[in-house]
C-alpha cells in the first residue's frame, strides 16, 4: 500500500483558505472573519487567499486564478492544511490546471463541490484527503463534538486509528444564524444510523463525496478508480460514501447505475449514505434507491449517517480504511491510516 497520509499537529499550524469553487458574497464575508477568530483561538494561524473575497458567474474567480492559488497553497511548505470556505458549482473547472504531483503531503479538507477535488486528488496521487467541515462552519464559538472531530482526524498519525461516533442530533433545515448558546447548528432531530438489512458492519478503503459533483469524474482521467485500487491500496475493496445535496431520487438512481456501468463498484465492500432532504421522484423513495443498489451489487448499504448537507458531519478520509458499525446510539466509524 502506497497511501500517503498528511499530519496536522495541534498548535501553531497554519491553515490556508482559498476558494476553488464559490467565493463569498458580501454578506458572507464576516463568516470568514469569525472563523479566523475561532481557529486562532484554538492556537492555529490562518492565511487567507484572494479568491475568497469575490464571486460571479457561479465561481469565485477565473479558473486560472483559482487553480493558481490552490496550487500555490498546496505547494507552500509554510501552509500546513488547506480548507476552502465552502463548496459551490465549478470546482471541476480546475482539474486540468492543477499540478497534484507537485503538492506537499498536506490535508485538503471540505465537502460539497470540494469533494470533486478531494476525490480526484486522492485517485491521482494516493495522498489522503479529508471530507468534512468547510472553513465557514468553524465560525461559531462552540463546535459540536461531531464537527470538532476534524482536528482529531487530521492529527492522527500514519498507522494509527481514529474513532468517531454517531451524533446525538442533527439539523434538518439550513440556516445562517447561530444559536444563542454560541453553536452554529440547530441540532433538533435524533440521529439514527441505519442498515438496510442485517449486515450492520462493513470495512473498506473509503472513497466518495457529494454525488452530484463527483459523478462528473466518471470516464475522465481524474476518476481512475482502477489505477488507484491497483497502485495505491493493493487491490483492497472500496467502501463508498455518498451524500446528496439536491439531486432527486431518480437522478441518484441513474447516477449509481452509471457508476456501476463504469466499473466503479467492481471491487467494493459496501455503501454509506448521508442523510438527505432532497426531492423524492414520484414514489421512488430513498429506501427504494438503496434497495435497488443492494440488489444490483449484493453489497451492504448503511444510510442516514452524519455525512453532508444536514449537519453535523463526520470527517471521512479518502484512501484510509474505514470500519462502520451500526449499534444504536453507539454507532461508530473507525478510520485507520494504513
Protein backbone atom coordinates (compact mmCIF):
# COMPACT_ATOMS: atom_id res chain seq x y z
CA UNK A 1 0.00 0.00 0.00
CA UNK A 2 1.45 3.36 -1.01
CA UNK A 3 -1.14 5.73 0.51
CA UNK A 4 0.36 8.96 1.87
CA UNK A 5 -1.24 10.45 4.99
CA UNK A 6 -0.79 14.12 5.84
CA UNK A 7 -0.42 15.08 9.51
CA UNK A 8 -1.69 18.28 11.14
CA UNK A 9 -0.29 18.79 14.63
CA UNK A 10 -2.17 20.54 17.42
CA UNK A 11 -0.70 24.03 17.85
CA UNK A 12 0.98 26.68 15.73
CA UNK A 13 -0.17 25.22 12.41
CA UNK A 14 -1.14 27.48 9.51
CA UNK A 15 -4.43 26.93 7.67
CA UNK A 16 -4.67 28.24 4.11
CA UNK A 17 -8.11 29.35 2.93
CA UNK A 18 -8.74 29.54 -0.81
CA UNK A 19 -11.93 29.37 -2.90
CA UNK A 20 -11.52 26.83 -5.73
CA UNK A 21 -15.29 26.83 -6.32
CA UNK A 22 -17.56 29.58 -4.92
CA UNK A 23 -16.36 32.75 -3.25
CA UNK A 24 -18.12 34.82 -0.62
CA UNK A 25 -20.95 37.21 -1.31
CA UNK A 26 -20.56 40.45 0.60
CA UNK A 27 -22.93 39.47 3.40
CA UNK A 28 -20.97 36.24 3.94
CA UNK A 29 -17.54 37.81 4.31
CA UNK A 30 -17.88 38.25 8.06
CA UNK A 31 -18.31 34.46 8.34
CA UNK A 32 -14.69 34.00 7.33
CA UNK A 33 -13.55 36.72 9.72
CA UNK A 34 -15.37 34.99 12.57
CA UNK A 35 -14.00 31.59 11.56
CA UNK A 36 -10.48 33.06 11.58
CA UNK A 37 -11.05 34.26 15.17
CA UNK A 38 -12.27 30.84 16.29
CA UNK A 39 -9.42 28.96 14.60
CA UNK A 40 -6.86 31.38 16.06
CA UNK A 41 -8.44 30.94 19.49
CA UNK A 42 -7.53 27.26 19.12
CA UNK A 43 -3.84 28.05 18.58
CA UNK A 44 -3.72 27.86 14.80
CA UNK A 45 -2.81 30.55 12.27
CA UNK A 46 -4.79 31.39 9.14
CA UNK A 47 -3.66 32.65 5.75
CA UNK A 48 -6.46 33.94 3.52
CA UNK A 49 -6.25 33.81 -0.28
CA UNK A 50 -7.52 36.50 -2.64
CA UNK A 51 -10.13 34.31 -4.38
CA UNK A 52 -12.41 34.07 -1.35
CA UNK A 53 -13.47 37.72 -1.49
CA UNK A 54 -15.14 37.71 -4.93
CA UNK A 55 -17.95 35.79 -6.64
CA UNK A 56 -19.64 35.98 -10.04
CA UNK A 57 -20.79 33.56 -12.75
CA UNK A 58 -21.07 30.87 -10.05
CA UNK A 59 -17.30 30.97 -9.41
CA UNK A 60 -15.03 32.86 -7.05
CA UNK A 61 -12.60 33.97 -9.75
CA UNK A 62 -11.48 32.99 -13.27
CA UNK A 63 -10.31 29.38 -13.47
CA UNK A 64 -6.58 30.17 -13.90
CA UNK A 65 -6.62 32.33 -10.78
CA UNK A 66 -8.50 29.74 -8.72
CA UNK A 67 -6.15 26.97 -9.81
CA UNK A 68 -3.01 29.04 -9.31
CA UNK A 69 -3.97 29.92 -5.73
CA UNK A 70 -4.86 26.34 -4.81
CA UNK A 71 -1.65 25.03 -6.43
CA UNK A 72 0.40 27.63 -4.57
CA UNK A 73 -1.13 26.81 -1.19
CA UNK A 74 -0.78 23.06 -1.72
CA UNK A 75 2.92 23.50 -2.60
CA UNK A 76 3.74 26.09 0.09
CA UNK A 77 5.75 24.49 2.89
CA UNK A 78 4.62 27.16 5.37
CA UNK A 79 0.94 26.18 4.99
CA UNK A 80 0.00 23.01 6.89
CA UNK A 81 -3.56 22.38 5.62
CA UNK A 82 -5.97 23.95 3.12
CA UNK A 83 -9.67 24.44 3.89
CA UNK A 84 -11.92 26.21 1.34
CA UNK A 85 -14.65 28.49 2.73
CA UNK A 86 -17.35 26.25 1.24
CA UNK A 87 -18.38 24.38 -1.89
CA UNK A 88 -20.24 25.73 -4.90
CA UNK A 89 -20.69 24.71 -8.51
CA UNK A 90 -17.50 24.90 -10.57
CA UNK A 91 -14.59 23.11 -8.86
CA UNK A 92 -14.47 20.75 -11.86
CA UNK A 93 -13.04 23.59 -13.99
CA UNK A 94 -9.74 23.37 -12.13
CA UNK A 95 -8.83 19.75 -12.79
CA UNK A 96 -6.68 20.24 -15.94
CA UNK A 97 -4.96 23.25 -14.32
CA UNK A 98 -3.87 21.54 -11.11
CA UNK A 99 -0.40 20.09 -10.50
CA UNK A 100 -1.13 17.44 -7.85
CA UNK A 101 2.15 15.56 -8.27
CA UNK A 102 3.96 18.70 -7.07
CA UNK A 103 1.84 19.05 -3.92
CA UNK A 104 3.17 18.70 -0.41
CA UNK A 105 1.57 15.83 1.54
CA UNK A 106 -0.88 18.07 3.41
CA UNK A 107 -4.57 17.96 4.17
CA UNK A 108 -7.21 19.39 1.87
CA UNK A 109 -10.47 19.45 3.87
CA UNK A 110 -14.00 20.27 2.73
CA UNK A 111 -17.21 18.87 1.25
CA UNK A 112 -19.96 19.55 -1.26
CA UNK A 113 -18.35 20.68 -4.54
CA UNK A 114 -14.91 20.48 -2.88
CA UNK A 115 -15.28 16.69 -2.86
CA UNK A 116 -14.67 16.77 -6.65
CA UNK A 117 -11.14 17.97 -5.89
CA UNK A 118 -10.68 15.70 -2.87
CA UNK A 119 -11.58 12.51 -4.71
CA UNK A 120 -9.58 13.33 -7.84
CA UNK A 121 -6.51 14.32 -5.79
CA UNK A 122 -6.53 11.03 -3.87
CA UNK A 123 -7.20 8.99 -7.02
CA UNK A 124 -4.34 10.64 -8.91
CA UNK A 125 -1.68 10.82 -6.19
CA UNK A 126 -2.53 8.45 -3.34
CA UNK A 127 -2.48 11.44 -0.95
CA UNK A 128 -5.32 11.07 1.55
CA UNK A 129 -7.88 13.90 1.58
CA UNK A 130 -10.48 14.78 4.21
CA UNK A 131 -14.23 15.07 3.55
CA UNK A 132 -15.54 17.19 6.42
CA UNK A 133 -16.45 20.72 7.53
CA UNK A 134 -15.74 23.72 5.32
CA UNK A 135 -13.99 26.76 6.79
CA UNK A 136 -17.10 28.90 7.41
CA UNK A 137 -18.55 26.08 9.51
CA UNK A 138 -15.81 26.78 12.05
CA UNK A 139 -17.12 30.28 12.77
CA UNK A 140 -19.08 29.53 15.94
CA UNK A 141 -17.69 29.80 19.43
CA UNK A 142 -18.74 26.24 20.31
CA UNK A 143 -18.01 23.37 17.94
CA UNK A 144 -20.24 20.34 18.42
CA UNK A 145 -18.49 17.04 19.06
CA UNK A 146 -19.01 15.66 15.54
CA UNK A 147 -17.81 18.79 13.73
CA UNK A 148 -14.81 19.30 16.01
CA UNK A 149 -13.55 15.77 15.28
CA UNK A 150 -11.83 17.17 12.17
CA UNK A 151 -8.96 18.22 14.46
CA UNK A 152 -8.56 14.73 15.92
CA UNK A 153 -8.78 13.11 12.50
CA UNK A 154 -6.23 15.43 10.88
CA UNK A 155 -3.86 14.89 13.83
CA UNK A 156 -3.93 11.09 13.51
CA UNK A 157 -0.52 9.57 12.91
CA UNK A 158 0.17 7.25 10.00
CA UNK A 159 -0.57 3.69 11.14
CA UNK A 160 -2.98 4.81 13.88
CA UNK A 161 -6.78 4.55 14.13
CA UNK A 162 -9.22 7.36 14.97
CA UNK A 163 -12.83 6.75 16.09
CA UNK A 164 -15.90 8.93 15.54
CA UNK A 165 -19.38 8.22 16.86
CA UNK A 166 -22.85 8.99 15.58
CA UNK A 167 -24.03 12.45 16.58
CA UNK A 168 -26.87 12.74 19.10
CA UNK A 169 -28.90 15.14 16.97
CA UNK A 170 -28.83 16.72 13.53
CA UNK A 171 -30.12 19.77 11.67
CA UNK A 172 -32.82 19.45 9.00
CA UNK A 173 -33.07 22.97 7.59
CA UNK A 174 -30.12 25.12 6.53
CA UNK A 175 -29.89 28.41 8.40
CA UNK A 176 -27.24 31.12 8.53
CA UNK A 177 -27.98 32.12 12.10
CA UNK A 178 -26.03 30.88 15.08
CA UNK A 179 -27.81 29.81 18.23
CA UNK A 180 -27.70 31.87 21.42
CA UNK A 181 -25.51 29.24 23.11
CA UNK A 182 -22.70 30.01 20.65
CA UNK A 183 -23.10 26.91 18.47
CA UNK A 184 -23.69 27.10 14.73
CA UNK A 185 -26.19 24.35 14.02
CA UNK A 186 -29.82 23.86 15.05
CA UNK A 187 -29.44 20.23 16.16
CA UNK A 188 -33.06 19.24 16.77
CA UNK A 189 -33.68 15.77 15.30
CA UNK A 190 -32.49 12.49 16.83
CA UNK A 191 -29.73 10.88 14.77
CA UNK A 192 -30.05 7.22 13.86
CA UNK A 193 -27.61 5.46 11.56
CA UNK A 194 -29.39 2.62 9.80
CA UNK A 195 -28.60 -0.58 7.92
CA UNK A 196 -30.71 -1.82 5.02
CA UNK A 197 -30.54 -5.43 6.22
CA UNK A 198 -28.86 -7.48 8.95
CA UNK A 199 -25.38 -6.53 7.69
CA UNK A 200 -24.57 -3.80 10.20
CA UNK A 201 -20.77 -3.76 9.87
CA UNK A 202 -18.67 -3.01 6.80
CA UNK A 203 -14.98 -2.34 6.12
CA UNK A 204 -13.13 -0.99 3.10
CA UNK A 205 -10.99 1.78 1.66
CA UNK A 206 -13.04 4.97 1.95
CA UNK A 207 -13.78 6.90 -1.23
CA UNK A 208 -16.65 9.20 -2.06
CA UNK A 209 -18.14 12.65 -1.69
CA UNK A 210 -21.08 14.68 -2.95
CA UNK A 211 -22.80 12.50 -5.54
CA UNK A 212 -23.91 15.40 -7.76
CA UNK A 213 -20.35 16.61 -8.27
CA UNK A 214 -18.09 13.54 -8.12
CA UNK A 215 -20.19 11.72 -10.74
CA UNK A 216 -18.70 14.07 -13.34
CA UNK A 217 -15.30 12.39 -12.83
CA UNK A 218 -16.67 9.20 -14.42
CA UNK A 219 -14.86 8.42 -17.66
CA UNK A 220 -12.24 11.15 -17.16
CA UNK A 221 -8.53 10.85 -16.30
CA UNK A 222 -9.43 12.33 -12.89
CA UNK A 223 -11.66 9.40 -11.89
CA UNK A 224 -9.46 6.37 -12.50
CA UNK A 225 -10.66 4.03 -9.75
CA UNK A 226 -8.86 1.02 -11.23
CA UNK A 227 -5.45 2.71 -11.16
CA UNK A 228 -5.95 3.87 -7.58
CA UNK A 229 -7.10 0.49 -6.37
CA UNK A 230 -4.28 -1.34 -8.10
CA UNK A 231 -1.39 1.05 -7.42
CA UNK A 232 -2.24 2.69 -4.08
CA UNK A 233 -4.21 0.18 -1.95
CA UNK A 234 -3.07 -3.19 -3.23
CA UNK A 235 -6.45 -4.14 -4.71
CA UNK A 236 -8.37 -3.75 -1.45
CA UNK A 237 -12.15 -3.20 -1.81
CA UNK A 238 -13.64 0.29 -1.77
CA UNK A 239 -16.17 1.37 0.87
CA UNK A 240 -18.08 4.09 -0.95
CA UNK A 241 -19.64 7.02 0.92
CA UNK A 242 -22.04 9.40 -0.77
CA UNK A 243 -24.11 12.39 0.19
CA UNK A 244 -26.82 14.09 -1.81
CA UNK A 245 -27.50 17.81 -1.64
CA UNK A 246 -30.22 18.46 -4.22
CA UNK A 247 -30.43 15.64 -6.78
CA UNK A 248 -33.76 13.81 -6.88
CA UNK A 249 -34.09 10.14 -6.01
CA UNK A 250 -34.42 9.21 -9.70
CA UNK A 251 -31.32 11.22 -10.57
CA UNK A 252 -29.36 9.48 -7.82
CA UNK A 253 -30.61 6.10 -9.02
CA UNK A 254 -29.37 6.91 -12.54
CA UNK A 255 -26.03 8.13 -11.21
CA UNK A 256 -25.47 4.95 -9.20
CA UNK A 257 -26.28 2.91 -12.29
CA UNK A 258 -23.79 4.92 -14.31
CA UNK A 259 -21.09 4.39 -11.68
CA UNK A 260 -21.79 0.65 -11.74
CA UNK A 261 -21.66 0.55 -15.56
CA UNK A 262 -18.36 2.49 -15.45
CA UNK A 263 -16.87 -0.18 -13.18
CA UNK A 264 -16.63 2.00 -10.08
CA UNK A 265 -18.29 -0.69 -7.95
CA UNK A 266 -16.45 -3.68 -9.42
CA UNK A 267 -14.45 -4.33 -6.28
CA UNK A 268 -16.40 -2.64 -3.49
CA UNK A 269 -17.29 -3.75 0.03
CA UNK A 270 -20.38 -1.60 0.61
CA UNK A 271 -22.01 1.82 0.60
CA UNK A 272 -22.53 4.58 3.16
CA UNK A 273 -25.12 7.29 2.52
CA UNK A 274 -25.57 10.54 4.39
CA UNK A 275 -28.94 11.92 5.41
CA UNK A 276 -30.67 13.90 2.69
CA UNK A 277 -33.69 16.17 2.36
CA UNK A 278 -33.53 16.06 -1.45
CA UNK A 279 -36.64 15.53 -3.56
CA UNK A 280 -38.26 12.13 -3.99
CA UNK A 281 -39.35 11.37 -7.58
CA UNK A 282 -42.95 10.08 -7.65
CA UNK A 283 -42.94 7.12 -5.24
CA UNK A 284 -39.26 6.22 -5.74
CA UNK A 285 -38.18 6.70 -2.13
CA UNK A 286 -34.59 6.80 -0.91
CA UNK A 287 -35.11 3.32 0.54
CA UNK A 288 -36.05 2.06 -2.93
CA UNK A 289 -32.88 3.62 -4.35
CA UNK A 290 -30.73 1.95 -1.67
CA UNK A 291 -32.51 -1.38 -2.10
CA UNK A 292 -32.01 -1.31 -5.87
CA UNK A 293 -28.30 -0.69 -5.31
CA UNK A 294 -28.10 -3.53 -2.81
CA UNK A 295 -29.98 -5.88 -5.15
CA UNK A 296 -27.73 -4.97 -8.10
CA UNK A 297 -24.42 -5.27 -6.24
CA UNK A 298 -25.21 -7.72 -3.44
CA UNK A 299 -23.40 -5.36 -1.05
CA UNK A 300 -24.44 -3.89 2.32
CA UNK A 301 -25.92 -0.38 2.40
CA UNK A 302 -25.80 1.79 5.53
CA UNK A 303 -27.66 5.10 5.46
CA UNK A 304 -28.65 8.27 7.33
CA UNK A 305 -25.06 8.67 8.51
CA UNK A 306 -23.56 12.02 9.54
CA UNK A 307 -22.30 12.90 6.06
CA UNK A 308 -23.06 16.00 4.04
CA UNK A 309 -25.58 18.80 3.93
CA UNK A 310 -27.60 18.00 7.06
CA UNK A 311 -25.06 18.82 9.79
CA UNK A 312 -23.21 17.86 11.81
CA UNK A 313 -20.87 15.70 9.79
CA UNK A 314 -18.06 13.25 10.22
CA UNK A 315 -14.59 13.78 8.83
CA UNK A 316 -14.01 10.90 6.41
CA UNK A 317 -10.59 10.19 4.90
CA UNK A 318 -10.35 9.23 1.24
CA UNK A 319 -7.98 6.29 0.88
CA UNK A 320 -7.93 5.24 4.54
CA UNK A 321 -9.52 2.03 5.84
CA UNK A 322 -12.94 2.63 7.36
CA UNK A 323 -14.98 0.24 9.50
CA UNK A 324 -18.55 1.27 10.27
CA UNK A 325 -20.63 -0.47 12.91
CA UNK A 326 -24.33 0.23 13.34
CA UNK A 327 -25.12 -0.32 17.01
CA UNK A 328 -27.80 2.16 18.03
CA UNK A 329 -26.57 5.20 19.96
CA UNK A 330 -23.08 3.68 19.96
CA UNK A 331 -22.80 3.51 16.15
CA UNK A 332 -19.26 4.39 15.14
CA UNK A 333 -16.67 4.59 12.41
CA UNK A 334 -13.04 3.64 12.94
CA UNK A 335 -10.62 5.04 10.38
CA UNK A 336 -7.14 3.51 10.11
CA UNK A 337 -4.33 5.33 8.32
CA UNK A 338 -2.70 2.24 6.89
